[in-house]
Amino acid sequence: MSDVDHEFVPDLPDLIDAAEYESHPDGRLMRFQLRVTDDGVQVLGDAFRPTDLEAILRAIDDGPIEQMLCG
């Protein structure tokens, strides 16, 4: 993993459905969702390539990245 702090959480919304995998054989699909909260704007992301997603999230904010442990 990178030098970014990760905060492991029990669940996060799926922004990419498994049915979409076949339509994106190059694995470059990435989705974002913005939420306005009492603390500001929350950026949620989902991607086939987590390192690419993390690079974008790090460019937005240097805070911890919430991540699920998938099995």
N, C-alpha and C. Protein backbone atom coordinates (compact mmCIF):
# COMPACT_ATOMS: atom_id res chain seq x y z
N MET A 1 0.83 -1.19 0.00
CA MET A 1 0.00 0.00 0.00
C MET A 1 0.88 1.25 0.00
N SER A 2 0.26 2.36 -0.19
CA SER A 2 0.98 3.62 -0.25
C SER A 2 1.21 4.17 1.15
N ASP A 3 1.75 5.37 1.21
CA ASP A 3 2.01 6.01 2.49
C ASP A 3 0.78 6.75 3.03
N VAL A 4 -0.34 6.66 2.35
CA VAL A 4 -1.58 7.30 2.78
C VAL A 4 -2.20 6.47 3.89
N ASP A 5 -2.75 7.17 4.89
CA ASP A 5 -3.46 6.46 5.96
C ASP A 5 -4.75 5.87 5.40
N HIS A 6 -5.01 4.63 5.76
CA HIS A 6 -6.24 3.96 5.37
C HIS A 6 -7.06 3.71 6.62
N GLU A 7 -8.34 3.93 6.50
CA GLU A 7 -9.28 3.67 7.58
C GLU A 7 -10.20 2.57 7.07
N PHE A 8 -10.12 1.40 7.68
CA PHE A 8 -10.93 0.28 7.22
C PHE A 8 -12.33 0.40 7.81
N VAL A 9 -13.34 0.29 6.94
CA VAL A 9 -14.74 0.44 7.33
C VAL A 9 -15.51 -0.81 6.91
N PRO A 10 -16.63 -1.09 7.61
CA PRO A 10 -17.38 -2.31 7.29
C PRO A 10 -18.09 -2.28 5.95
N ASP A 11 -18.46 -1.11 5.46
CA ASP A 11 -19.13 -1.06 4.16
C ASP A 11 -19.01 0.33 3.54
N LEU A 12 -19.06 0.33 2.24
CA LEU A 12 -19.09 1.54 1.42
C LEU A 12 -20.03 1.25 0.26
N PRO A 13 -20.66 2.27 -0.30
CA PRO A 13 -21.57 2.02 -1.41
C PRO A 13 -20.82 1.51 -2.64
N ASP A 14 -21.40 0.55 -3.34
CA ASP A 14 -20.86 0.07 -4.61
C ASP A 14 -21.27 1.04 -5.70
N LEU A 15 -20.31 1.64 -6.34
CA LEU A 15 -20.60 2.56 -7.43
C LEU A 15 -20.44 1.87 -8.79
N ILE A 16 -19.86 0.67 -8.78
CA ILE A 16 -19.70 -0.13 -9.99
C ILE A 16 -20.35 -1.48 -9.74
N ASP A 17 -21.23 -1.87 -10.61
CA ASP A 17 -21.93 -3.14 -10.50
C ASP A 17 -21.13 -4.23 -11.22
N ALA A 18 -21.13 -5.43 -10.65
CA ALA A 18 -20.39 -6.55 -11.26
C ALA A 18 -20.82 -6.81 -12.70
N ALA A 19 -22.05 -6.49 -13.06
CA ALA A 19 -22.54 -6.70 -14.43
C ALA A 19 -21.81 -5.80 -15.43
N GLU A 20 -21.13 -4.76 -14.95
CA GLU A 20 -20.41 -3.83 -15.84
C GLU A 20 -19.01 -4.31 -16.19
N TYR A 21 -18.48 -5.29 -15.49
CA TYR A 21 -17.10 -5.72 -15.69
C TYR A 21 -16.83 -6.13 -17.14
N GLU A 22 -17.72 -6.90 -17.72
CA GLU A 22 -17.54 -7.39 -19.08
C GLU A 22 -17.47 -6.25 -20.09
N SER A 23 -18.18 -5.17 -19.83
CA SER A 23 -18.20 -4.03 -20.76
C SER A 23 -16.93 -3.19 -20.68
N HIS A 24 -16.08 -3.47 -19.70
CA HIS A 24 -14.86 -2.67 -19.50
C HIS A 24 -13.66 -3.59 -19.34
N PRO A 25 -13.32 -4.35 -20.39
CA PRO A 25 -12.24 -5.33 -20.29
C PRO A 25 -10.86 -4.71 -20.02
N ASP A 26 -10.71 -3.41 -20.32
CA ASP A 26 -9.43 -2.77 -20.06
C ASP A 26 -9.27 -2.38 -18.59
N GLY A 27 -10.35 -2.51 -17.80
CA GLY A 27 -10.27 -2.26 -16.37
C GLY A 27 -10.09 -0.81 -15.96
N ARG A 28 -10.51 0.09 -16.80
CA ARG A 28 -10.28 1.51 -16.50
C ARG A 28 -11.51 2.25 -15.99
N LEU A 29 -12.59 1.55 -15.74
CA LEU A 29 -13.80 2.22 -15.24
C LEU A 29 -13.56 2.75 -13.83
N MET A 30 -13.99 3.99 -13.62
CA MET A 30 -13.87 4.64 -12.33
C MET A 30 -15.10 5.52 -12.15
N ARG A 31 -15.68 5.48 -10.96
CA ARG A 31 -16.86 6.32 -10.68
C ARG A 31 -16.64 7.07 -9.38
N PHE A 32 -17.22 8.27 -9.35
CA PHE A 32 -17.17 9.10 -8.15
C PHE A 32 -18.57 9.53 -7.76
N GLN A 33 -18.75 9.76 -6.49
CA GLN A 33 -19.99 10.31 -5.97
C GLN A 33 -19.61 11.38 -4.95
N LEU A 34 -20.22 12.53 -5.07
CA LEU A 34 -19.98 13.62 -4.12
C LEU A 34 -21.17 13.74 -3.20
N ARG A 35 -20.88 13.89 -1.91
CA ARG A 35 -21.94 14.06 -0.92
C ARG A 35 -21.65 15.30 -0.10
N VAL A 36 -22.64 16.13 0.07
CA VAL A 36 -22.50 17.29 0.94
C VAL A 36 -22.92 16.86 2.34
N THR A 37 -22.02 17.04 3.31
CA THR A 37 -22.30 16.68 4.70
C THR A 37 -22.16 17.92 5.57
N ASP A 38 -22.44 17.79 6.84
CA ASP A 38 -22.27 18.90 7.78
C ASP A 38 -20.80 19.32 7.89
N ASP A 39 -19.89 18.39 7.57
CA ASP A 39 -18.46 18.66 7.67
C ASP A 39 -17.84 19.15 6.36
N GLY A 40 -18.60 19.18 5.30
CA GLY A 40 -18.08 19.61 4.00
C GLY A 40 -18.52 18.67 2.90
N VAL A 41 -17.64 18.41 1.96
CA VAL A 41 -17.94 17.54 0.83
C VAL A 41 -17.17 16.22 1.01
N GLN A 42 -17.89 15.13 0.87
CA GLN A 42 -17.29 13.80 0.95
C GLN A 42 -17.20 13.27 -0.48
N VAL A 43 -16.03 12.74 -0.84
CA VAL A 43 -15.82 12.18 -2.16
C VAL A 43 -15.72 10.67 -2.02
N LEU A 44 -16.64 9.96 -2.67
CA LEU A 44 -16.61 8.50 -2.69
C LEU A 44 -16.15 8.07 -4.07
N GLY A 45 -15.38 7.00 -4.12
CA GLY A 45 -14.90 6.52 -5.40
C GLY A 45 -14.90 5.01 -5.45
N ASP A 46 -15.02 4.48 -6.64
CA ASP A 46 -14.96 3.04 -6.87
C ASP A 46 -14.25 2.86 -8.21
N ALA A 47 -13.35 1.88 -8.26
CA ALA A 47 -12.56 1.69 -9.48
C ALA A 47 -12.07 0.26 -9.56
N PHE A 48 -11.82 -0.18 -10.78
CA PHE A 48 -11.21 -1.48 -11.00
C PHE A 48 -9.75 -1.45 -10.56
N ARG A 49 -9.14 -0.29 -10.63
CA ARG A 49 -7.72 -0.13 -10.28
C ARG A 49 -7.60 0.79 -9.08
N PRO A 50 -7.53 0.24 -7.88
CA PRO A 50 -7.53 1.05 -6.66
C PRO A 50 -6.36 2.03 -6.58
N THR A 51 -5.20 1.69 -7.12
CA THR A 51 -4.08 2.63 -7.02
C THR A 51 -4.34 3.90 -7.83
N ASP A 52 -5.01 3.77 -8.96
CA ASP A 52 -5.38 4.95 -9.74
C ASP A 52 -6.38 5.81 -8.98
N LEU A 53 -7.35 5.17 -8.36
CA LEU A 53 -8.35 5.88 -7.56
C LEU A 53 -7.69 6.60 -6.39
N GLU A 54 -6.79 5.91 -5.69
CA GLU A 54 -6.11 6.53 -4.55
C GLU A 54 -5.29 7.75 -4.97
N ALA A 55 -4.66 7.70 -6.12
CA ALA A 55 -3.88 8.84 -6.60
C ALA A 55 -4.77 10.07 -6.77
N ILE A 56 -5.97 9.87 -7.29
CA ILE A 56 -6.90 11.00 -7.46
C ILE A 56 -7.37 11.49 -6.10
N LEU A 57 -7.73 10.57 -5.21
CA LEU A 57 -8.19 10.98 -3.88
C LEU A 57 -7.09 11.72 -3.11
N ARG A 58 -5.84 11.28 -3.24
CA ARG A 58 -4.72 11.97 -2.57
C ARG A 58 -4.55 13.37 -3.12
N ALA A 59 -4.80 13.56 -4.41
CA ALA A 59 -4.67 14.89 -5.02
C ALA A 59 -5.74 15.85 -4.50
N ILE A 60 -6.89 15.29 -4.10
CA ILE A 60 -7.99 16.10 -3.59
C ILE A 60 -7.78 16.46 -2.13
N ASP A 61 -7.32 15.48 -1.33
CA ASP A 61 -7.19 15.68 0.12
C ASP A 61 -6.15 14.69 0.64
N ASP A 62 -5.38 15.12 1.63
CA ASP A 62 -4.35 14.23 2.17
C ASP A 62 -4.82 13.47 3.41
N GLY A 63 -6.10 13.51 3.69
CA GLY A 63 -6.65 12.80 4.85
C GLY A 63 -6.72 11.30 4.60
N PRO A 64 -7.16 10.55 5.60
CA PRO A 64 -7.25 9.10 5.44
C PRO A 64 -8.26 8.69 4.37
N ILE A 65 -8.00 7.57 3.75
CA ILE A 65 -8.88 7.02 2.73
C ILE A 65 -9.63 5.85 3.36
N GLU A 66 -10.95 5.92 3.34
CA GLU A 66 -11.75 4.81 3.85
C GLU A 66 -11.71 3.67 2.82
N GLN A 67 -11.55 2.45 3.33
CA GLN A 67 -11.42 1.31 2.45
C GLN A 67 -12.09 0.11 3.11
N MET A 68 -12.74 -0.71 2.28
CA MET A 68 -13.33 -1.96 2.75
C MET A 68 -12.34 -3.09 2.51
N LEU A 69 -12.38 -4.08 3.36
CA LEU A 69 -11.62 -5.30 3.11
C LEU A 69 -12.56 -6.26 2.42
N CYS A 70 -12.31 -6.51 1.15
CA CYS A 70 -13.18 -7.38 0.36
C CYS A 70 -12.64 -8.79 0.39
N GLY A 71 -13.51 -9.77 0.42
CA GLY A 71 -13.05 -11.15 0.47
C GLY A 71 -13.63 -11.91 -0.62
